[in-house]
Amino acid sequence: MNLSRWMLVSCGAVVAACDHELTTVDVFVGCGCVVREVTVAPASVKLVVGDTFRLSATSNPPGAAHVWSSRQPAVADVDSLTGLVTAKSVGTATIVASRVQDLNLKGASAIEVSARPQ
């Protein structure tokens, strides 16, 4: 990590300037706090109506349980405990994994559902 690119604002608050895409960042600040996050894999999935697909979630720090939800359940629904997505109708949906220990920590996957070929 290039420390010149990070500025400590207060315990648990960090301002970062970055000129390239980052998918995961672990940031430890002087008070021993760690930036927490949830990462959902894969970040996007293409499905056909009727298909199922299991997403996975990891947390920083590790070892957390997650609960799943769909922002568009008519398009793609998800089992709240397992992350198993079911494609219901044509469209796009966002599936969210929330860390059970802190429901404000979330990660998401974009689901694109197309019609089953005839």
C-alpha atoms as a PDB file:
ATOM      1  CA  MET A   1       0.000   0.000   0.000  1.00  0.00           C
ATOM      2  CA  ASN A   2       1.315   3.428  -0.905  1.00  0.00           C
ATOM      3  CA  LEU A   3       0.787   5.340   2.351  1.00  0.00           C
ATOM      4  CA  SER A   4       1.076   8.706   0.623  1.00  0.00           C
ATOM      5  CA  ARG A   5      -2.266   7.988  -1.039  1.00  0.00           C
ATOM      6  CA  TRP A   6      -4.204   7.544   2.228  1.00  0.00           C
ATOM      7  CA  MET A   7      -5.149  10.144   4.798  1.00  0.00           C
ATOM      8  CA  LEU A   8      -6.332   9.288   8.299  1.00  0.00           C
ATOM      9  CA  VAL A   9      -9.328  11.421   9.200  1.00  0.00           C
ATOM     10  CA  SER A  10     -10.327   9.795  12.495  1.00  0.00           C
ATOM     11  CA  CYS A  11     -10.548   6.345  13.973  1.00  0.00           C
ATOM     12  CA  GLY A  12     -12.406   4.252  11.403  1.00  0.00           C
ATOM     13  CA  ALA A  13     -12.598   6.970   8.757  1.00  0.00           C
ATOM     14  CA  VAL A  14     -10.204   7.012   5.819  1.00  0.00           C
ATOM     15  CA  VAL A  15     -10.165   9.150   2.702  1.00  0.00           C
ATOM     16  CA  ALA A  16      -8.516   7.496  -0.309  1.00  0.00           C
ATOM     17  CA  ALA A  17      -7.526   8.784  -3.713  1.00  0.00           C
ATOM     18  CA  CYS A  18      -7.142   6.120  -6.347  1.00  0.00           C
ATOM     19  CA  ASP A  19      -6.601   6.267 -10.085  1.00  0.00           C
ATOM     20  CA  HIS A  20      -7.375   2.618 -10.857  1.00  0.00           C
ATOM     21  CA  GLU A  21     -10.166   0.130 -10.152  1.00  0.00           C
ATOM     22  CA  LEU A  22     -10.018  -1.717  -6.838  1.00  0.00           C
ATOM     23  CA  THR A  23     -12.316  -4.588  -5.929  1.00  0.00           C
ATOM     24  CA  THR A  24     -11.146  -5.235  -2.360  1.00  0.00           C
ATOM     25  CA  VAL A  25      -9.235  -3.053   0.052  1.00  0.00           C
ATOM     26  CA  ASP A  26      -8.198  -3.823   3.630  1.00  0.00           C
ATOM     27  CA  VAL A  27      -7.419  -0.653   5.529  1.00  0.00           C
ATOM     28  CA  PHE A  28      -6.079  -0.638   9.067  1.00  0.00           C
ATOM     29  CA  VAL A  29      -5.981   2.714  10.824  1.00  0.00           C
ATOM     30  CA  GLY A  30      -3.952   3.806  13.831  1.00  0.00           C
ATOM     31  CA  CYS A  31      -6.566   2.960  16.457  1.00  0.00           C
ATOM     32  CA  GLY A  32      -6.701  -0.707  15.429  1.00  0.00           C
ATOM     33  CA  CYS A  33      -9.986  -0.372  13.530  1.00  0.00           C
ATOM     34  CA  VAL A  34     -10.476  -2.275  10.284  1.00  0.00           C
ATOM     35  CA  VAL A  35     -12.632  -1.206   7.358  1.00  0.00           C
ATOM     36  CA  ARG A  36     -15.335  -3.842   6.998  1.00  0.00           C
ATOM     37  CA  GLU A  37     -16.900  -4.984   3.766  1.00  0.00           C
ATOM     38  CA  VAL A  38     -18.892  -7.732   2.119  1.00  0.00           C
ATOM     39  CA  THR A  39     -17.842  -9.043  -1.294  1.00  0.00           C
ATOM     40  CA  VAL A  40     -20.270 -11.080  -3.421  1.00  0.00           C
ATOM     41  CA  ALA A  41     -18.953 -13.437  -6.098  1.00  0.00           C
ATOM     42  CA  PRO A  42     -19.410 -13.346  -8.936  1.00  0.00           C
ATOM     43  CA  ALA A  43     -20.148  -9.631  -9.279  1.00  0.00           C
ATOM     44  CA  SER A  44     -22.530 -10.327 -12.180  1.00  0.00           C
ATOM     45  CA  VAL A  45     -24.329 -13.369 -13.596  1.00  0.00           C
ATOM     46  CA  LYS A  46     -26.343 -14.018 -16.760  1.00  0.00           C
ATOM     47  CA  LEU A  47     -29.170 -16.526 -16.343  1.00  0.00           C
ATOM     48  CA  VAL A  48     -32.106 -17.854 -18.353  1.00  0.00           C
ATOM     49  CA  VAL A  49     -35.623 -17.885 -16.879  1.00  0.00           C
ATOM     50  CA  GLY A  50     -35.911 -20.989 -14.680  1.00  0.00           C
ATOM     51  CA  ASP A  51     -32.154 -21.318 -14.023  1.00  0.00           C
ATOM     52  CA  THR A  52     -30.633 -21.319 -10.552  1.00  0.00           C
ATOM     53  CA  PHE A  53     -27.196 -20.188  -9.436  1.00  0.00           C
ATOM     54  CA  ARG A  54     -25.560 -20.044  -6.003  1.00  0.00           C
ATOM     55  CA  LEU A  55     -23.719 -16.835  -5.125  1.00  0.00           C
ATOM     56  CA  SER A  56     -21.066 -16.669  -2.418  1.00  0.00           C
ATOM     57  CA  ALA A  57     -20.211 -13.903   0.021  1.00  0.00           C
ATOM     58  CA  THR A  58     -17.062 -13.186   1.995  1.00  0.00           C
ATOM     59  CA  SER A  59     -16.541 -10.583   4.671  1.00  0.00           C
ATOM     60  CA  ASN A  60     -13.677  -8.581   6.010  1.00  0.00           C
ATOM     61  CA  PRO A  61     -13.016  -9.397   8.747  1.00  0.00           C
ATOM     62  CA  PRO A  62     -13.695 -13.045   7.806  1.00  0.00           C
ATOM     63  CA  GLY A  63     -15.996 -15.558   9.471  1.00  0.00           C
ATOM     64  CA  ALA A  64     -19.306 -13.712   9.276  1.00  0.00           C
ATOM     65  CA  ALA A  65     -22.697 -15.143   8.407  1.00  0.00           C
ATOM     66  CA  HIS A  66     -24.710 -13.451   5.648  1.00  0.00           C
ATOM     67  CA  VAL A  67     -28.375 -13.002   4.846  1.00  0.00           C
ATOM     68  CA  TRP A  68     -29.472 -12.633   1.203  1.00  0.00           C
ATOM     69  CA  SER A  69     -32.192 -10.514  -0.403  1.00  0.00           C
ATOM     70  CA  SER A  70     -33.315  -9.438  -3.877  1.00  0.00           C
ATOM     71  CA  ARG A  71     -34.149  -5.878  -4.794  1.00  0.00           C
ATOM     72  CA  GLN A  72     -36.253  -7.189  -7.734  1.00  0.00           C
ATOM     73  CA  PRO A  73     -37.693 -10.542  -6.570  1.00  0.00           C
ATOM     74  CA  ALA A  74     -40.083 -10.737  -9.543  1.00  0.00           C
ATOM     75  CA  VAL A  75     -37.018 -10.979 -11.828  1.00  0.00           C
ATOM     76  CA  ALA A  76     -34.630 -13.000  -9.639  1.00  0.00           C
ATOM     77  CA  ASP A  77     -35.364 -14.291  -6.168  1.00  0.00           C
ATOM     78  CA  VAL A  78     -32.789 -15.571  -3.678  1.00  0.00           C
ATOM     79  CA  ASP A  79     -32.904 -17.977  -0.740  1.00  0.00           C
ATOM     80  CA  SER A  80     -32.172 -15.759   2.272  1.00  0.00           C
ATOM     81  CA  LEU A  81     -29.908 -18.341   3.931  1.00  0.00           C
ATOM     82  CA  THR A  82     -28.098 -20.074   1.055  1.00  0.00           C
ATOM     83  CA  GLY A  83     -27.669 -17.429  -1.663  1.00  0.00           C
ATOM     84  CA  LEU A  84     -29.324 -19.678  -4.254  1.00  0.00           C
ATOM     85  CA  VAL A  85     -30.726 -17.378  -6.956  1.00  0.00           C
ATOM     86  CA  THR A  86     -33.737 -18.399  -9.072  1.00  0.00           C
ATOM     87  CA  ALA A  87     -34.327 -16.557 -12.357  1.00  0.00           C
ATOM     88  CA  LYS A  88     -38.059 -15.763 -12.547  1.00  0.00           C
ATOM     89  CA  SER A  89     -38.609 -13.365 -15.464  1.00  0.00           C
ATOM     90  CA  VAL A  90     -36.715 -11.344 -18.083  1.00  0.00           C
ATOM     91  CA  GLY A  91     -34.937  -8.296 -16.687  1.00  0.00           C
ATOM     92  CA  THR A  92     -32.199  -7.302 -14.287  1.00  0.00           C
ATOM     93  CA  ALA A  93     -32.028  -7.710 -10.534  1.00  0.00           C
ATOM     94  CA  THR A  94     -29.637  -6.867  -7.751  1.00  0.00           C
ATOM     95  CA  ILE A  95     -28.978  -9.570  -5.172  1.00  0.00           C
ATOM     96  CA  VAL A  96     -27.610  -8.289  -1.860  1.00  0.00           C
ATOM     97  CA  ALA A  97     -25.680 -10.099   0.872  1.00  0.00           C
ATOM     98  CA  SER A  98     -25.779  -8.390   4.266  1.00  0.00           C
ATOM     99  CA  ARG A  99     -23.466  -9.292   7.124  1.00  0.00           C
ATOM    100  CA  VAL A 100     -25.671 -10.695   9.922  1.00  0.00           C
ATOM    101  CA  GLN A 101     -23.537  -9.044  12.622  1.00  0.00           C
ATOM    102  CA  ASP A 102     -23.995  -5.616  10.972  1.00  0.00           C
ATOM    103  CA  LEU A 103     -26.804  -5.422   8.405  1.00  0.00           C
ATOM    104  CA  ASN A 104     -25.447  -2.090   7.134  1.00  0.00           C
ATOM    105  CA  LEU A 105     -22.445  -3.929   5.625  1.00  0.00           C
ATOM    106  CA  LYS A 106     -23.543  -5.180   2.205  1.00  0.00           C
ATOM    107  CA  GLY A 107     -22.238  -6.516  -1.061  1.00  0.00           C
ATOM    108  CA  ALA A 108     -24.169  -7.106  -4.290  1.00  0.00           C
ATOM    109  CA  SER A 109     -24.282  -9.012  -7.552  1.00  0.00           C
ATOM    110  CA  ALA A 110     -26.043  -7.894 -10.743  1.00  0.00           C
ATOM    111  CA  ILE A 111     -28.259 -10.600 -12.255  1.00  0.00           C
ATOM    112  CA  GLU A 112     -29.328 -10.397 -15.912  1.00  0.00           C
ATOM    113  CA  VAL A 113     -32.176 -12.763 -16.827  1.00  0.00           C
ATOM    114  CA  SER A 114     -33.039 -13.548 -20.436  1.00  0.00           C
ATOM    115  CA  ALA A 115     -35.804 -15.625 -22.023  1.00  0.00           C
ATOM    116  CA  ARG A 116     -35.309 -19.337 -22.521  1.00  0.00           C
ATOM    117  CA  PRO A 117     -34.529 -20.025 -26.216  1.00  0.00           C
ATOM    118  CA  GLN A 118     -37.386 -21.702 -28.069  1.00  0.00           C
END
